Amino acid sequence: MNRISDYRNKVKVSQAGLAKVVGVTPSTIGNYESGIRNINLEMCWKIVKALNALGANCTFEEVFPNPQLDTNEIEHER
């Protein structure tokens, strides 16, 4: 799962505000945040750059953590 909404809310930007900077619709941002819609790598980078331009001070890995490194899931599977 991504953390777009965490960082978007941190800088107090609406889905519409982030969508405008990235060049998509607000519903697209909502779908990305909820995991309904998959995001390609190029769009991931656009989102991270937009969040940073809005003041989030975040890295790619913070917004899009590697799901293979989720220790909670690893422990649950054992």
PDB file of N, CA and C in Angstrom:
ATOM      1  N   MET A   1       0.840  -1.183   0.000  1.00  0.00           N
ATOM      2  CA  MET A   1       0.000   0.000   0.000  1.00  0.00           C
ATOM      3  C   MET A   1       0.886   1.248   0.000  1.00  0.00           C
ATOM      4  N   ASN A   2       0.442   2.263  -0.694  1.00  0.00           N
ATOM      5  CA  ASN A   2       1.203   3.507  -0.754  1.00  0.00           C
ATOM      6  C   ASN A   2       0.795   4.443   0.387  1.00  0.00           C
ATOM      7  N   ARG A   3       1.571   5.491   0.543  1.00  0.00           N
ATOM      8  CA  ARG A   3       1.316   6.470   1.604  1.00  0.00           C
ATOM      9  C   ARG A   3       1.067   7.866   1.024  1.00  0.00           C
ATOM     10  N   ILE A   4       0.472   7.921  -0.160  1.00  0.00           N
ATOM     11  CA  ILE A   4       0.200   9.207  -0.806  1.00  0.00           C
ATOM     12  C   ILE A   4      -0.649  10.083   0.105  1.00  0.00           C
ATOM     13  N   SER A   5      -1.734   9.536   0.617  1.00  0.00           N
ATOM     14  CA  SER A   5      -2.648  10.353   1.432  1.00  0.00           C
ATOM     15  C   SER A   5      -1.971  10.860   2.700  1.00  0.00           C
ATOM     16  N   ASP A   6      -1.086  10.063   3.308  1.00  0.00           N
ATOM     17  CA  ASP A   6      -0.371  10.510   4.511  1.00  0.00           C
ATOM     18  C   ASP A   6       0.422  11.780   4.222  1.00  0.00           C
ATOM     19  N   TYR A   7       1.181  11.751   3.146  1.00  0.00           N
ATOM     20  CA  TYR A   7       2.013  12.909   2.806  1.00  0.00           C
ATOM     21  C   TYR A   7       1.187  14.061   2.252  1.00  0.00           C
ATOM     22  N   ARG A   8       0.127  13.754   1.525  1.00  0.00           N
ATOM     23  CA  ARG A   8      -0.750  14.813   1.010  1.00  0.00           C
ATOM     24  C   ARG A   8      -1.410  15.547   2.172  1.00  0.00           C
ATOM     25  N   ASN A   9      -1.880  14.779   3.160  1.00  0.00           N
ATOM     26  CA  ASN A   9      -2.510  15.393   4.332  1.00  0.00           C
ATOM     27  C   ASN A   9      -1.499  16.147   5.185  1.00  0.00           C
ATOM     28  N   LYS A  10      -0.267  15.678   5.217  1.00  0.00           N
ATOM     29  CA  LYS A  10       0.801  16.347   5.969  1.00  0.00           C
ATOM     30  C   LYS A  10       1.000  17.783   5.483  1.00  0.00           C
ATOM     31  N   VAL A  11       0.889  17.983   4.170  1.00  0.00           N
ATOM     32  CA  VAL A  11       1.067  19.329   3.611  1.00  0.00           C
ATOM     33  C   VAL A  11      -0.264  20.038   3.378  1.00  0.00           C
ATOM     34  N   LYS A  12      -1.345  19.419   3.864  1.00  0.00           N
ATOM     35  CA  LYS A  12      -2.686  20.013   3.807  1.00  0.00           C
ATOM     36  C   LYS A  12      -3.117  20.376   2.389  1.00  0.00           C
ATOM     37  N   VAL A  13      -2.960  19.379   1.501  1.00  0.00           N
ATOM     38  CA  VAL A  13      -3.359  19.543   0.114  1.00  0.00           C
ATOM     39  C   VAL A  13      -4.474  18.542  -0.179  1.00  0.00           C
ATOM     40  N   SER A  14      -5.500  19.000  -0.867  1.00  0.00           N
ATOM     41  CA  SER A  14      -6.609  18.119  -1.237  1.00  0.00           C
ATOM     42  C   SER A  14      -6.197  17.199  -2.380  1.00  0.00           C
ATOM     43  N   GLN A  15      -7.014  16.194  -2.618  1.00  0.00           N
ATOM     44  CA  GLN A  15      -6.788  15.338  -3.779  1.00  0.00           C
ATOM     45  C   GLN A  15      -6.822  16.169  -5.049  1.00  0.00           C
ATOM     46  N   ALA A  16      -7.724  17.133  -5.106  1.00  0.00           N
ATOM     47  CA  ALA A  16      -7.826  18.003  -6.286  1.00  0.00           C
ATOM     48  C   ALA A  16      -6.556  18.835  -6.462  1.00  0.00           C
ATOM     49  N   GLY A  17      -6.005  19.317  -5.354  1.00  0.00           N
ATOM     50  CA  GLY A  17      -4.776  20.109  -5.430  1.00  0.00           C
ATOM     51  C   GLY A  17      -3.598  19.303  -5.945  1.00  0.00           C
ATOM     52  N   LEU A  18      -3.439  18.095  -5.421  1.00  0.00           N
ATOM     53  CA  LEU A  18      -2.360  17.230  -5.892  1.00  0.00           C
ATOM     54  C   LEU A  18      -2.600  16.823  -7.338  1.00  0.00           C
ATOM     55  N   ALA A  19      -3.838  16.524  -7.666  1.00  0.00           N
ATOM     56  CA  ALA A  19      -4.182  16.124  -9.034  1.00  0.00           C
ATOM     57  C   ALA A  19      -3.810  17.207 -10.036  1.00  0.00           C
ATOM     58  N   LYS A  20      -4.056  18.446  -9.665  1.00  0.00           N
ATOM     59  CA  LYS A  20      -3.749  19.569 -10.563  1.00  0.00           C
ATOM     60  C   LYS A  20      -2.243  19.659 -10.833  1.00  0.00           C
ATOM     61  N   VAL A  21      -1.444  19.481  -9.796  1.00  0.00           N
ATOM     62  CA  VAL A  21       0.011  19.557  -9.951  1.00  0.00           C
ATOM     63  C   VAL A  21       0.525  18.388 -10.791  1.00  0.00           C
ATOM     64  N   VAL A  22      -0.053  17.202 -10.592  1.00  0.00           N
ATOM     65  CA  VAL A  22       0.405  15.999 -11.281  1.00  0.00           C
ATOM     66  C   VAL A  22      -0.161  15.904 -12.697  1.00  0.00           C
ATOM     67  N   GLY A  23      -1.335  16.479 -12.924  1.00  0.00           N
ATOM     68  CA  GLY A  23      -1.946  16.443 -14.253  1.00  0.00           C
ATOM     69  C   GLY A  23      -2.931  15.313 -14.459  1.00  0.00           C
ATOM     70  N   VAL A  24      -3.631  14.936 -13.377  1.00  0.00           N
ATOM     71  CA  VAL A  24      -4.670  13.906 -13.460  1.00  0.00           C
ATOM     72  C   VAL A  24      -5.928  14.434 -12.775  1.00  0.00           C
ATOM     73  N   THR A  25      -6.977  13.638 -12.758  1.00  0.00           N
ATOM     74  CA  THR A  25      -8.209  14.056 -12.085  1.00  0.00           C
ATOM     75  C   THR A  25      -8.138  13.729 -10.595  1.00  0.00           C
ATOM     76  N   PRO A  26      -8.920  14.429  -9.782  1.00  0.00           N
ATOM     77  CA  PRO A  26      -8.959  14.117  -8.352  1.00  0.00           C
ATOM     78  C   PRO A  26      -9.379  12.668  -8.076  1.00  0.00           C
ATOM     79  N   SER A  27     -10.275  12.131  -8.877  1.00  0.00           N
ATOM     80  CA  SER A  27     -10.696  10.741  -8.653  1.00  0.00           C
ATOM     81  C   SER A  27      -9.547   9.769  -8.937  1.00  0.00           C
ATOM     82  N   THR A  28      -8.669  10.124  -9.845  1.00  0.00           N
ATOM     83  CA  THR A  28      -7.502   9.281 -10.108  1.00  0.00           C
ATOM     84  C   THR A  28      -6.610   9.232  -8.873  1.00  0.00           C
ATOM     85  N   ILE A  29      -6.377  10.378  -8.252  1.00  0.00           N
ATOM     86  CA  ILE A  29      -5.579  10.409  -7.015  1.00  0.00           C
ATOM     87  C   ILE A  29      -6.257   9.559  -5.946  1.00  0.00           C
ATOM     88  N   GLY A  30      -7.565   9.697  -5.804  1.00  0.00           N
ATOM     89  CA  GLY A  30      -8.313   8.893  -4.838  1.00  0.00           C
ATOM     90  C   GLY A  30      -8.176   7.405  -5.113  1.00  0.00           C
ATOM     91  N   ASN A  31      -8.235   7.032  -6.371  1.00  0.00           N
ATOM     92  CA  ASN A  31      -8.088   5.629  -6.745  1.00  0.00           C
ATOM     93  C   ASN A  31      -6.676   5.112  -6.472  1.00  0.00           C
ATOM     94  N   TYR A  32      -5.670   5.958  -6.683  1.00  0.00           N
ATOM     95  CA  TYR A  32      -4.291   5.576  -6.358  1.00  0.00           C
ATOM     96  C   TYR A  32      -4.160   5.361  -4.853  1.00  0.00           C
ATOM     97  N   GLU A  33      -4.689   6.310  -4.079  1.00  0.00           N
ATOM     98  CA  GLU A  33      -4.571   6.233  -2.626  1.00  0.00           C
ATOM     99  C   GLU A  33      -5.239   4.993  -2.050  1.00  0.00           C
ATOM    100  N   SER A  34      -6.368   4.621  -2.605  1.00  0.00           N
ATOM    101  CA  SER A  34      -7.112   3.475  -2.077  1.00  0.00           C
ATOM    102  C   SER A  34      -6.661   2.144  -2.670  1.00  0.00           C
ATOM    103  N   GLY A  35      -5.789   2.200  -3.670  1.00  0.00           N
ATOM    104  CA  GLY A  35      -5.303   0.976  -4.288  1.00  0.00           C
ATOM    105  C   GLY A  35      -6.228   0.399  -5.343  1.00  0.00           C
ATOM    106  N   ILE A  36      -7.259   1.145  -5.703  1.00  0.00           N
ATOM    107  CA  ILE A  36      -8.186   0.691  -6.743  1.00  0.00           C
ATOM    108  C   ILE A  36      -7.513   0.693  -8.107  1.00  0.00           C
ATOM    109  N   ARG A  37      -6.645   1.646  -8.305  1.00  0.00           N
ATOM    110  CA  ARG A  37      -5.972   1.802  -9.591  1.00  0.00           C
ATOM    111  C   ARG A  37      -4.468   1.648  -9.393  1.00  0.00           C
ATOM    112  N   ASN A  38      -3.821   0.868 -10.251  1.00  0.00           N
ATOM    113  CA  ASN A  38      -2.366   0.705 -10.196  1.00  0.00           C
ATOM    114  C   ASN A  38      -1.676   1.935 -10.759  1.00  0.00           C
ATOM    115  N   ILE A  39      -0.497   2.202 -10.230  1.00  0.00           N
ATOM    116  CA  ILE A  39       0.279   3.373 -10.645  1.00  0.00           C
ATOM    117  C   ILE A  39       1.534   2.896 -11.349  1.00  0.00           C
ATOM    118  N   ASN A  40       1.817   3.487 -12.504  1.00  0.00           N
ATOM    119  CA  ASN A  40       3.075   3.132 -13.169  1.00  0.00           C
ATOM    120  C   ASN A  40       4.222   3.924 -12.534  1.00  0.00           C
ATOM    121  N   LEU A  41       5.434   3.498 -12.806  1.00  0.00           N
ATOM    122  CA  LEU A  41       6.612   4.088 -12.180  1.00  0.00           C
ATOM    123  C   LEU A  41       6.750   5.574 -12.470  1.00  0.00           C
ATOM    124  N   GLU A  42       6.460   5.969 -13.686  1.00  0.00           N
ATOM    125  CA  GLU A  42       6.558   7.390 -14.055  1.00  0.00           C
ATOM    126  C   GLU A  42       5.607   8.237 -13.215  1.00  0.00           C
ATOM    127  N   MET A  43       4.373   7.764 -13.013  1.00  0.00           N
ATOM    128  CA  MET A  43       3.411   8.505 -12.217  1.00  0.00           C
ATOM    129  C   MET A  43       3.811   8.532 -10.742  1.00  0.00           C
ATOM    130  N   CYS A  44       4.405   7.447 -10.264  1.00  0.00           N
ATOM    131  CA  CYS A  44       4.894   7.436  -8.880  1.00  0.00           C
ATOM    132  C   CYS A  44       5.896   8.565  -8.669  1.00  0.00           C
ATOM    133  N   TRP A  45       6.826   8.698  -9.596  1.00  0.00           N
ATOM    134  CA  TRP A  45       7.828   9.759  -9.484  1.00  0.00           C
ATOM    135  C   TRP A  45       7.193  11.145  -9.578  1.00  0.00           C
ATOM    136  N   LYS A  46       6.207  11.311 -10.459  1.00  0.00           N
ATOM    137  CA  LYS A  46       5.514  12.604 -10.569  1.00  0.00           C
ATOM    138  C   LYS A  46       4.849  12.966  -9.246  1.00  0.00           C
ATOM    139  N   ILE A  47       4.238  11.978  -8.604  1.00  0.00           N
ATOM    140  CA  ILE A  47       3.557  12.217  -7.334  1.00  0.00           C
ATOM    141  C   ILE A  47       4.556  12.605  -6.254  1.00  0.00           C
ATOM    142  N   VAL A  48       5.668  11.897  -6.175  1.00  0.00           N
ATOM    143  CA  VAL A  48       6.691  12.221  -5.167  1.00  0.00           C
ATOM    144  C   VAL A  48       7.237  13.630  -5.403  1.00  0.00           C
ATOM    145  N   LYS A  49       7.533  13.948  -6.656  1.00  0.00           N
ATOM    146  CA  LYS A  49       8.046  15.288  -6.969  1.00  0.00           C
ATOM    147  C   LYS A  49       7.018  16.362  -6.643  1.00  0.00           C
ATOM    148  N   ALA A  50       5.743  16.097  -6.934  1.00  0.00           N
ATOM    149  CA  ALA A  50       4.688  17.060  -6.628  1.00  0.00           C
ATOM    150  C   ALA A  50       4.537  17.241  -5.125  1.00  0.00           C
ATOM    151  N   LEU A  51       4.563  16.147  -4.381  1.00  0.00           N
ATOM    152  CA  LEU A  51       4.458  16.243  -2.922  1.00  0.00           C
ATOM    153  C   LEU A  51       5.615  17.060  -2.355  1.00  0.00           C
ATOM    154  N   ASN A  52       6.816  16.846  -2.872  1.00  0.00           N
ATOM    155  CA  ASN A  52       7.973  17.617  -2.408  1.00  0.00           C
ATOM    156  C   ASN A  52       7.860  19.086  -2.789  1.00  0.00           C
ATOM    157  N   ALA A  53       7.346  19.367  -3.979  1.00  0.00           N
ATOM    158  CA  ALA A  53       7.149  20.757  -4.399  1.00  0.00           C
ATOM    159  C   ALA A  53       6.129  21.452  -3.494  1.00  0.00           C
ATOM    160  N   LEU A  54       5.215  20.668  -2.938  1.00  0.00           N
ATOM    161  CA  LEU A  54       4.193  21.210  -2.037  1.00  0.00           C
ATOM    162  C   LEU A  54       4.674  21.253  -0.586  1.00  0.00           C
ATOM    163  N   GLY A  55       5.908  20.793  -0.331  1.00  0.00           N
ATOM    164  CA  GLY A  55       6.500  20.900   1.000  1.00  0.00           C
ATOM    165  C   GLY A  55       6.559  19.636   1.821  1.00  0.00           C
ATOM    166  N   ALA A  56       6.318  18.472   1.234  1.00  0.00           N
ATOM    167  CA  ALA A  56       6.261  17.227   2.010  1.00  0.00           C
ATOM    168  C   ALA A  56       7.634  16.724   2.470  1.00  0.00           C
ATOM    169  N   ASN A  57       8.697  16.998   1.722  1.00  0.00           N
ATOM    170  CA  ASN A  57      10.031  16.528   2.071  1.00  0.00           C
ATOM    171  C   ASN A  57      10.048  15.015   2.284  1.00  0.00           C
ATOM    172  N   CYS A  58       9.697  14.276   1.238  1.00  0.00           N
ATOM    173  CA  CYS A  58       9.607  12.817   1.325  1.00  0.00           C
ATOM    174  C   CYS A  58      10.418  12.164   0.218  1.00  0.00           C
ATOM    175  N   THR A  59      10.736  10.895   0.428  1.00  0.00           N
ATOM    176  CA  THR A  59      11.459  10.128  -0.580  1.00  0.00           C
ATOM    177  C   THR A  59      10.491   9.195  -1.294  1.00  0.00           C
ATOM    178  N   PHE A  60      10.945   8.659  -2.404  1.00  0.00           N
ATOM    179  CA  PHE A  60      10.155   7.685  -3.159  1.00  0.00           C
ATOM    180  C   PHE A  60       9.794   6.502  -2.261  1.00  0.00           C
ATOM    181  N   GLU A  61      10.789   6.001  -1.522  1.00  0.00           N
ATOM    182  CA  GLU A  61      10.597   4.828  -0.679  1.00  0.00           C
ATOM    183  C   GLU A  61       9.616   5.084   0.466  1.00  0.00           C
ATOM    184  N   GLU A  62       9.546   6.316   0.931  1.00  0.00           N
ATOM    185  CA  GLU A  62       8.596   6.647   1.999  1.00  0.00           C
ATOM    186  C   GLU A  62       7.161   6.657   1.482  1.00  0.00           C
ATOM    187  N   VAL A  63       6.966   7.163   0.293  1.00  0.00           N
ATOM    188  CA  VAL A  63       5.618   7.243  -0.274  1.00  0.00           C
ATOM    189  C   VAL A  63       5.184   5.894  -0.841  1.00  0.00           C
ATOM    190  N   PHE A  64       6.119   5.182  -1.431  1.00  0.00           N
ATOM    191  CA  PHE A  64       5.829   3.883  -2.040  1.00  0.00           C
ATOM    192  C   PHE A  64       6.752   2.822  -1.436  1.00  0.00           C
ATOM    193  N   PRO A  65       6.467   2.398  -0.189  1.00  0.00           N
ATOM    194  CA  PRO A  65       7.339   1.416   0.458  1.00  0.00           C
ATOM    195  C   PRO A  65       7.335   0.069  -0.275  1.00  0.00           C
ATOM    196  N   ASN A  66       8.449  -0.610  -0.208  1.00  0.00           N
ATOM    197  CA  ASN A  66       8.586  -1.912  -0.842  1.00  0.00           C
ATOM    198  C   ASN A  66       7.709  -2.921  -0.096  1.00  0.00           C
ATOM    199  N   PRO A  67       6.710  -3.486  -0.745  1.00  0.00           N
ATOM    200  CA  PRO A  67       5.823  -4.420  -0.050  1.00  0.00           C
ATOM    201  C   PRO A  67       6.521  -5.700   0.386  1.00  0.00           C
ATOM    202  N   GLN A  68       7.639  -6.029  -0.242  1.00  0.00           N
ATOM    203  CA  GLN A  68       8.375  -7.231   0.138  1.00  0.00           C
ATOM    204  C   GLN A  68       9.117  -7.055   1.456  1.00  0.00           C
ATOM    205  N   LEU A  69       9.237  -5.813   1.920  1.00  0.00           N
ATOM    206  CA  LEU A  69       9.933  -5.547   3.174  1.00  0.00           C
ATOM    207  C   LEU A  69       8.982  -5.325   4.334  1.00  0.00           C
ATOM    208  N   ASP A  70       7.693  -5.565   4.130  1.00  0.00           N
ATOM    209  CA  ASP A  70       6.705  -5.378   5.186  1.00  0.00           C
ATOM    210  C   ASP A  70       6.830  -6.519   6.191  1.00  0.00           C
ATOM    211  N   THR A  71       7.448  -6.252   7.328  1.00  0.00           N
ATOM    212  CA  THR A  71       7.694  -7.297   8.313  1.00  0.00           C
ATOM    213  C   THR A  71       6.417  -7.829   8.928  1.00  0.00           C
ATOM    214  N   ASN A  72       5.368  -7.034   8.984  1.00  0.00           N
ATOM    215  CA  ASN A  72       4.097  -7.512   9.526  1.00  0.00           C
ATOM    216  C   ASN A  72       3.540  -8.652   8.676  1.00  0.00           C
ATOM    217  N   GLU A  73       3.626  -8.526   7.362  1.00  0.00           N
ATOM    218  CA  GLU A  73       3.136  -9.566   6.490  1.00  0.00           C
ATOM    219  C   GLU A  73       4.014 -10.814   6.566  1.00  0.00           C
ATOM    220  N   ILE A  74       5.310 -10.617   6.695  1.00  0.00           N
ATOM    221  CA  ILE A  74       6.226 -11.744   6.781  1.00  0.00           C
ATOM    222  C   ILE A  74       5.945 -12.542   8.052  1.00  0.00           C
ATOM    223  N   GLU A  75       5.760 -11.857   9.169  1.00  0.00           N
ATOM    224  CA  GLU A  75       5.470 -12.521  10.434  1.00  0.00           C
ATOM    225  C   GLU A  75       4.129 -13.246  10.371  1.00  0.00           C
ATOM    226  N   HIS A  76       3.159 -12.641   9.706  1.00  0.00           N
ATOM    227  CA  HIS A  76       1.825 -13.229   9.623  1.00  0.00           C
ATOM    228  C   HIS A  76       1.818 -14.532   8.828  1.00  0.00           C
ATOM    229  N   GLU A  77       2.697 -14.626   7.827  1.00  0.00           N
ATOM    230  CA  GLU A  77       2.747 -15.804   6.962  1.00  0.00           C
ATOM    231  C   GLU A  77       3.425 -16.986   7.648  1.00  0.00           C
ATOM    232  N   ARG A  78       4.160 -16.758   8.706  1.00  0.00           N
ATOM    233  CA  ARG A  78       4.891 -17.855   9.380  1.00  0.00           C
ATOM    234  C   ARG A  78       4.006 -18.738  10.159  1.00  0.00           C
TER     235      ARG A  78
END
